C-alpha atoms as a PDB file:
ATOM      1  CA  MET A   1     -61.542-194.640   1.422  1.00  0.00           C
ATOM      2  CA  LEU A   2     -63.119-197.458  -0.612  1.00  0.00           C
ATOM      3  CA  LYS A   3     -65.446-194.991  -2.325  1.00  0.00           C
ATOM      4  CA  ALA A   4     -62.466-192.842  -3.380  1.00  0.00           C
ATOM      5  CA  LEU A   5     -60.622-195.914  -4.684  1.00  0.00           C
ATOM      6  CA  LYS A   6     -63.714-197.040  -6.605  1.00  0.00           C
ATOM      7  CA  GLU A   7     -64.122-193.568  -8.178  1.00  0.00           C
ATOM      8  CA  PHE A   8     -60.431-193.504  -9.097  1.00  0.00           C
ATOM      9  CA  LEU A   9     -60.649-196.924 -10.763  1.00  0.00           C
ATOM     10  CA  GLN A  10     -63.791-195.938 -12.680  1.00  0.00           C
ATOM     11  CA  ALA A  11     -62.165-192.728 -13.896  1.00  0.00           C
ATOM     12  CA  THR A  12     -59.058-194.655 -14.937  1.00  0.00           C
ATOM     13  CA  LEU A  13     -61.161-197.218 -16.803  1.00  0.00           C
ATOM     14  CA  GLU A  14     -63.115-194.497 -18.629  1.00  0.00           C
ATOM     15  CA  GLU A  15     -59.867-192.750 -19.570  1.00  0.00           C
ATOM     16  CA  SER A  16     -58.465-196.054 -20.830  1.00  0.00           C
ATOM     17  CA  ARG A  17     -61.560-196.597 -23.013  1.00  0.00           C
ATOM     18  CA  GLU A  18     -61.239-193.083 -24.450  1.00  0.00           C
ATOM     19  CA  GLN A  19     -57.553-193.629 -25.195  1.00  0.00           C
ATOM     20  CA  HIS A  20     -58.376-196.961 -26.868  1.00  0.00           C
ATOM     21  CA  ALA A  21     -61.017-195.321 -29.068  1.00  0.00           C
ATOM     22  CA  HIS A  22     -58.618-192.508 -29.913  1.00  0.00           C
ATOM     23  CA  SER A  23     -55.808-194.946 -30.740  1.00  0.00           C
ATOM     24  CA  VAL A  24     -58.104-196.874 -33.120  1.00  0.00           C
ATOM     25  CA  GLU A  25     -59.221-193.656 -34.796  1.00  0.00           C
ATOM     26  CA  LEU A  26     -55.664-192.355 -35.089  1.00  0.00           C
ATOM     27  CA  ALA A  27     -54.400-195.693 -36.393  1.00  0.00           C
ATOM     28  CA  ALA A  28     -57.117-195.853 -39.057  1.00  0.00           C
ATOM     29  CA  ALA A  29     -56.566-192.245 -40.092  1.00  0.00           C
ATOM     30  CA  THR A  30     -52.814-192.813 -40.272  1.00  0.00           C
ATOM     31  CA  LEU A  31     -53.284-195.830 -42.551  1.00  0.00           C
ATOM     32  CA  LEU A  32     -55.488-193.715 -44.829  1.00  0.00           C
ATOM     33  CA  VAL A  33     -52.759-191.037 -44.950  1.00  0.00           C
ATOM     34  CA  GLN A  34     -50.034-193.630 -45.552  1.00  0.00           C
ATOM     35  CA  LEU A  35     -52.066-194.974 -48.460  1.00  0.00           C
ATOM     36  CA  SER A  36     -52.464-191.518 -49.970  1.00  0.00           C
ATOM     37  CA  GLN A  37     -48.694-191.030 -49.756  1.00  0.00           C
ATOM     38  CA  SER A  38     -47.746-194.489 -51.032  1.00  0.00           C
ATOM     39  CA  ASP A  39     -47.509-193.286 -54.643  1.00  0.00           C
ATOM     40  CA  ASN A  40     -45.360-190.326 -53.510  1.00  0.00           C
ATOM     41  CA  GLN A  41     -48.098-187.801 -54.328  1.00  0.00           C
ATOM     42  CA  GLN A  42     -50.856-186.899 -51.916  1.00  0.00           C
ATOM     43  CA  SER A  43     -53.520-185.120 -53.926  1.00  0.00           C
ATOM     44  CA  ASN A  44     -56.111-182.675 -52.622  1.00  0.00           C
ATOM     45  CA  ALA A  45     -58.785-185.138 -53.742  1.00  0.00           C
ATOM     46  CA  GLU A  46     -57.252-187.861 -51.571  1.00  0.00           C
ATOM     47  CA  SER A  47     -57.032-185.519 -48.579  1.00  0.00           C
ATOM     48  CA  ALA A  48     -60.689-184.556 -49.021  1.00  0.00           C
ATOM     49  CA  VAL A  49     -61.743-188.217 -49.145  1.00  0.00           C
ATOM     50  CA  ILE A  50     -59.681-188.977 -46.029  1.00  0.00           C
ATOM     51  CA  LEU A  51     -61.331-186.137 -44.094  1.00  0.00           C
ATOM     52  CA  ASN A  52     -64.772-187.244 -45.234  1.00  0.00           C
ATOM     53  CA  LYS A  53     -64.113-190.870 -44.302  1.00  0.00           C
ATOM     54  CA  ILE A  54     -62.672-189.944 -40.904  1.00  0.00           C
ATOM     55  CA  LYS A  55     -65.825-187.942 -40.141  1.00  0.00           C
ATOM     56  CA  ARG A  56     -68.181-190.699 -41.269  1.00  0.00           C
ATOM     57  CA  LEU A  57     -66.358-193.728 -39.845  1.00  0.00           C
ATOM     58  CA  PHE A  58     -65.881-192.208 -36.411  1.00  0.00           C
ATOM     59  CA  VAL A  59     -68.816-189.746 -36.302  1.00  0.00           C
ATOM     60  CA  LEU A  60     -66.643-186.675 -35.789  1.00  0.00           C
ATOM     61  CA  ASP A  61     -67.363-183.026 -36.464  1.00  0.00           C
ATOM     62  CA  GLU A  62     -65.242-181.017 -38.898  1.00  0.00           C
ATOM     63  CA  ALA A  63     -62.802-179.686 -36.271  1.00  0.00           C
ATOM     64  CA  GLU A  64     -62.270-183.119 -34.688  1.00  0.00           C
ATOM     65  CA  ALA A  65     -61.727-184.713 -38.088  1.00  0.00           C
ATOM     66  CA  GLU A  66     -59.199-182.052 -39.104  1.00  0.00           C
ATOM     67  CA  ARG A  67     -57.330-182.437 -35.822  1.00  0.00           C
ATOM     68  CA  LEU A  68     -57.216-186.219 -36.274  1.00  0.00           C
ATOM     69  CA  PHE A  69     -56.095-185.786 -39.893  1.00  0.00           C
ATOM     70  CA  MET A  70     -53.205-183.541 -38.804  1.00  0.00           C
ATOM     71  CA  GLN A  71     -52.158-186.032 -36.118  1.00  0.00           C
ATOM     72  CA  ALA A  72     -52.352-188.840 -38.693  1.00  0.00           C
ATOM     73  CA  GLN A  73     -50.098-186.948 -41.089  1.00  0.00           C
ATOM     74  CA  THR A  74     -47.505-186.569 -38.325  1.00  0.00           C
ATOM     75  CA  GLN A  75     -47.799-190.262 -37.444  1.00  0.00           C
ATOM     76  CA  ALA A  76     -47.489-191.275 -41.103  1.00  0.00           C
ATOM     77  CA  LYS A  77     -44.225-189.336 -41.466  1.00  0.00           C
ATOM     78  CA  GLN A  78     -42.767-191.162 -38.461  1.00  0.00           C
ATOM     79  CA  ALA A  79     -44.141-194.610 -39.338  1.00  0.00           C
ATOM     80  CA  VAL A  80     -41.827-197.475 -40.122  1.00  0.00           C
ATOM     81  CA  SER A  81     -44.514-200.015 -41.024  1.00  0.00           C
ATOM     82  CA  VAL A  82     -48.256-200.532 -41.046  1.00  0.00           C
ATOM     83  CA  PHE A  83     -48.196-203.139 -38.263  1.00  0.00           C
ATOM     84  CA  ASP A  84     -48.289-200.564 -35.462  1.00  0.00           C
ATOM     85  CA  PHE A  85     -51.549-199.264 -36.876  1.00  0.00           C
ATOM     86  CA  THR A  86     -53.275-202.431 -38.086  1.00  0.00           C
ATOM     87  CA  ARG A  87     -53.046-203.967 -34.611  1.00  0.00           C
ATOM     88  CA  HIS A  88     -55.436-201.226 -33.444  1.00  0.00           C
ATOM     89  CA  VAL A  89     -57.735-201.309 -36.478  1.00  0.00           C
ATOM     90  CA  LYS A  90     -58.248-205.074 -36.253  1.00  0.00           C
ATOM     91  CA  LYS A  91     -59.953-204.466 -32.871  1.00  0.00           C
ATOM     92  CA  LEU A  92     -62.907-202.957 -34.737  1.00  0.00           C
ATOM     93  CA  ASP A  93     -65.830-205.248 -35.423  1.00  0.00           C
ATOM     94  CA  TYR A  94     -65.878-206.966 -38.822  1.00  0.00           C
ATOM     95  CA  GLN A  95     -68.356-204.584 -40.453  1.00  0.00           C
ATOM     96  CA  GLN A  96     -66.275-201.579 -39.386  1.00  0.00           C
ATOM     97  CA  ARG A  97     -63.136-203.236 -40.802  1.00  0.00           C
ATOM     98  CA  TYR A  98     -65.008-203.783 -44.071  1.00  0.00           C
ATOM     99  CA  GLN A  99     -66.086-200.124 -44.144  1.00  0.00           C
ATOM    100  CA  PHE A 100     -62.518-199.093 -43.392  1.00  0.00           C
ATOM    101  CA  THR A 101     -61.305-201.183 -46.338  1.00  0.00           C
ATOM    102  CA  GLU A 102     -63.872-199.463 -48.555  1.00  0.00           C
ATOM    103  CA  ALA A 103     -62.470-196.141 -47.312  1.00  0.00           C
ATOM    104  CA  LEU A 104     -58.969-197.271 -48.288  1.00  0.00           C
ATOM    105  CA  TRP A 105     -60.197-198.066 -51.799  1.00  0.00           C
ATOM    106  CA  ARG A 106     -61.960-194.687 -52.033  1.00  0.00           C
ATOM    107  CA  VAL A 107     -58.701-192.920 -51.171  1.00  0.00           C
ATOM    108  CA  ALA A 108     -56.813-195.018 -53.722  1.00  0.00           C
ATOM    109  CA  TYR A 109     -59.287-194.116 -56.483  1.00  0.00           C
ATOM    110  CA  ALA A 110     -59.690-190.463 -55.423  1.00  0.00           C
ATOM    111  CA  ASP A 111     -57.037-189.149 -57.811  1.00  0.00           C
ATOM    112  CA  GLY A 112     -58.401-191.198 -60.712  1.00  0.00           C
ATOM    113  CA  VAL A 113     -55.431-193.582 -60.826  1.00  0.00           C
ATOM    114  CA  LEU A 114     -54.988-196.823 -58.916  1.00  0.00           C
ATOM    115  CA  ASP A 115     -51.255-197.117 -58.349  1.00  0.00           C
ATOM    116  CA  PRO A 116     -49.840-200.654 -57.865  1.00  0.00           C
ATOM    117  CA  GLN A 117     -48.267-199.445 -54.596  1.00  0.00           C
ATOM    118  CA  GLU A 118     -51.706-198.415 -53.327  1.00  0.00           C
ATOM    119  CA  GLU A 119     -53.290-201.737 -54.222  1.00  0.00           C
ATOM    120  CA  ALA A 120     -50.453-203.664 -52.578  1.00  0.00           C
ATOM    121  CA  LEU A 121     -50.802-201.629 -49.385  1.00  0.00           C
ATOM    122  CA  ILE A 122     -54.574-202.147 -49.252  1.00  0.00           C
ATOM    123  CA  ARG A 123     -54.084-205.888 -49.755  1.00  0.00           C
ATOM    124  CA  GLN A 124     -51.514-205.972 -46.934  1.00  0.00           C
ATOM    125  CA  VAL A 125     -53.740-203.994 -44.562  1.00  0.00           C
ATOM    126  CA  ALA A 126     -56.818-206.116 -45.392  1.00  0.00           C
ATOM    127  CA  ASP A 127     -54.838-209.268 -44.598  1.00  0.00           C
ATOM    128  CA  LEU A 128     -53.524-207.829 -41.332  1.00  0.00           C
ATOM    129  CA  ILE A 129     -56.980-206.759 -40.134  1.00  0.00           C
ATOM    130  CA  TYR A 130     -58.396-210.202 -40.992  1.00  0.00           C
ATOM    131  CA  LEU A 131     -60.741-209.158 -43.774  1.00  0.00           C
ATOM    132  CA  SER A 132     -61.704-212.069 -46.032  1.00  0.00           C
ATOM    133  CA  HIS A 133     -60.434-212.036 -49.602  1.00  0.00           C
ATOM    134  CA  ALA A 134     -64.035-212.064 -50.846  1.00  0.00           C
ATOM    135  CA  ASP A 135     -64.797-208.907 -48.857  1.00  0.00           C
ATOM    136  CA  PHE A 136     -61.507-207.336 -50.001  1.00  0.00           C
ATOM    137  CA  ILE A 137     -62.696-207.768 -53.613  1.00  0.00           C
ATOM    138  CA  LYS A 138     -66.276-206.745 -52.763  1.00  0.00           C
ATOM    139  CA  ALA A 139     -65.012-203.508 -51.154  1.00  0.00           C
ATOM    140  CA  LYS A 140     -62.870-202.775 -54.205  1.00  0.00           C
ATOM    141  CA  MET A 141     -65.722-203.389 -56.632  1.00  0.00           C
ATOM    142  CA  SER A 142     -68.149-201.290 -54.580  1.00  0.00           C
ATOM    143  CA  VAL A 143     -66.037-198.138 -54.952  1.00  0.00           C
ATOM    144  CA  GLN A 144     -64.373-198.779 -58.300  1.00  0.00           C
ATOM    145  CA  PRO A 145     -65.179-196.110 -60.873  1.00  0.00           C
ATOM    146  CA  HIS A 146     -67.157-197.570 -63.745  1.00  0.00           C
ATOM    147  CA  ALA A 147     -65.981-196.875 -67.263  1.00  0.00           C
END
């Protein structure tokens, strides 16, 4: 009886960890999609960058990344604010949050134009995930196209 209870609790804990990881991944992907839609035009270049970043940030294969991207697009359509998503992303360690902010900047610059709406959203997200202002600027400068 105790062995069965222990196995049940372990299985539940493992499932909870998987759901947590999935919720962080989905939240981050949804924020990337929201950013790409913030200027009311989601370009193919932005979508390609999002897929690439999803694969690299979360070490996913092509099929997993595409599935997550599709789920993120659905979530982004239903989203009311970014708070539901940033509360998950801020659980990442600091370096991962920095890399995520770099990914946001890459999406913003993907179509060749940094829209003020995009920059405002990145600033809001960076604040909500507790990224320092210095690292916010560093992430921007690291991906900014040079003239």
